[in-house]
Protein backbone atom coordinates (compact mmCIF):
# COMPACT_ATOMS: atom_id res chain seq x y z
CA MET A 1 0.00 0.00 0.00
CA ALA A 2 1.12 3.53 -0.59
CA GLN A 3 0.98 4.47 3.09
CA ARG A 4 3.56 2.54 5.16
CA GLY A 5 5.25 2.82 8.51
CA GLY A 6 4.61 6.08 10.31
CA ALA A 7 2.48 7.30 7.40
CA GLY A 8 0.27 4.20 7.53
CA ARG A 9 -3.42 4.38 8.19
CA THR A 10 -5.18 2.54 10.95
CA THR A 11 -7.91 0.04 10.10
CA GLY A 12 -10.29 1.96 12.34
CA GLY A 13 -10.73 -1.04 14.62
CA GLY A 14 -9.83 1.04 17.65
CA GLY A 15 -7.34 -1.40 19.09
CA GLY A 16 -10.27 -3.43 20.35
CA GLY A 17 -11.27 -0.56 22.60
CA PHE A 18 -14.06 1.93 22.32
CA LEU A 19 -14.63 1.71 18.57
CA GLN A 20 -15.20 -2.05 18.66
CA SER A 21 -17.98 -1.75 21.20
CA GLY A 22 -21.01 0.21 20.17
CA PHE A 23 -19.76 2.64 17.50
CA LYS A 24 -20.22 0.57 14.35
CA GLU A 25 -21.14 3.38 11.95
CA GLN A 26 -18.24 5.56 13.12
CA ARG A 27 -15.84 2.60 12.89
CA LEU A 28 -16.94 1.78 9.35
CA ALA A 29 -16.70 5.41 8.25
CA TYR A 30 -13.23 5.71 9.81
CA GLY A 31 -12.10 2.49 8.11
CA LYS A 32 -13.28 3.49 4.62
CA LEU A 33 -9.82 4.85 3.73
CA LYS A 34 -8.18 1.56 4.71
CA ASP A 35 -10.71 -0.35 2.60
CA GLU A 36 -9.93 1.89 -0.38
CA GLN A 37 -6.19 1.38 0.13
CA ILE A 38 -6.62 -2.40 0.23
CA LYS A 39 -8.78 -2.42 -2.91
CA ALA A 40 -6.24 -0.24 -4.74
CA THR A 41 -3.54 -2.90 -4.27
CA GLY A 42 -5.51 -5.42 -6.31
CA ALA A 43 -4.40 -8.11 -3.88
CA ASP A 44 -6.34 -11.36 -3.72
CA TYR A 45 -6.08 -11.46 0.08
CA CYS A 46 -5.58 -9.11 2.97
CA ILE A 47 -3.41 -10.61 5.71
CA ALA A 48 -3.95 -9.30 9.22
CA GLY A 49 -1.58 -9.84 12.10
CA CYS A 50 -3.98 -9.12 14.95
CA HIS A 51 -7.51 -10.19 15.78
CA ASN A 52 -8.94 -6.67 16.04
CA CYS A 53 -7.56 -5.65 12.64
CA HIS A 54 -8.86 -8.90 11.14
CA ALA A 55 -12.36 -8.31 12.50
CA GLN A 56 -12.41 -4.70 11.29
CA ILE A 57 -11.00 -5.37 7.82
CA HIS A 58 -13.31 -8.35 7.31
CA GLU A 59 -16.29 -6.17 8.15
CA LEU A 60 -15.00 -3.36 5.91
CA SER A 61 -14.69 -5.79 2.99
CA GLU A 62 -18.27 -6.96 3.48
CA HIS A 63 -19.70 -3.48 4.11
CA TYR A 64 -17.98 -1.71 1.19
CA GLY A 65 -18.10 -4.68 -1.21
CA GLY A 66 -14.35 -5.24 -1.29
CA GLY A 67 -14.66 -8.92 -2.06
CA TYR A 68 -11.21 -9.69 -0.67
CA PRO A 69 -10.83 -12.46 1.91
CA VAL A 70 -9.10 -11.44 5.14
CA VAL A 71 -6.95 -14.03 6.88
CA HIS A 72 -4.81 -14.12 9.98
CA LEU A 73 -1.10 -14.52 9.38
CA TRP A 74 -1.08 -17.57 11.65
CA THR A 75 -3.76 -19.19 9.46
CA LEU A 76 -1.43 -19.10 6.46
CA ILE A 77 1.50 -20.35 8.52
CA CYS A 78 -0.56 -23.26 9.85
CA LEU A 79 -1.85 -24.05 6.36
CA SER A 80 1.69 -24.17 4.98
CA LEU A 81 2.80 -26.45 7.82
CA GLY A 82 -0.14 -28.80 7.30
CA VAL A 83 -1.56 -28.24 10.76
CA LEU A 84 -4.62 -26.13 9.92
CA GLY A 85 -7.73 -28.02 10.98
CA PRO A 86 -10.82 -28.35 8.79
CA ASN A 87 -12.80 -26.07 11.13
CA GLU A 88 -10.13 -23.34 10.90
CA ARG A 89 -10.64 -22.57 7.20
CA THR A 90 -13.57 -20.17 7.55
CA TYR A 91 -11.76 -17.08 6.29
CA LEU A 92 -9.86 -18.72 3.47
CA GLY A 93 -10.99 -18.02 -0.08
CA ASP A 94 -12.19 -20.81 -2.34
CA ASP A 95 -8.71 -21.15 -3.83
CA LEU A 96 -7.15 -22.13 -0.48
CA ARG A 97 -10.04 -23.66 1.47
CA ASP A 98 -9.56 -27.12 -0.01
CA VAL A 99 -5.76 -27.20 -0.17
CA ASN A 100 -4.99 -30.84 0.55
CA VAL A 101 -2.62 -30.93 3.50
CA PHE A 102 -2.41 -33.56 6.17
CA HIS A 103 -4.16 -32.93 9.44
CA PRO A 104 -4.80 -35.60 12.09
CA GLU A 105 -8.46 -34.57 12.49
CA SER A 106 -9.22 -34.95 8.79
CA GLY A 107 -7.29 -38.19 8.30
CA LYS A 108 -5.91 -36.86 5.00
């Protein structure tokens, strides 16, 4: 994205604090810039490192019609290691949801 480091823009998730609890319209309005930045990249996925950012960006994508899946970084790490359980694939896009990796719970 064009804005990085100190010039980066927050997701608007409020660090899990006041914006996450009870201020949905304000949070979505504040996060519109981040949604536009993500869409401008043309990326197939948005990878979030923290739970609050993931929740906010996922909601932004749905609200503003971004159409980009949002995944936790640890989800991709677990997928690549073959330890991502079948019930942990909720946020993966169709292209990754059925990646055939071994997991003891699936028996594959």
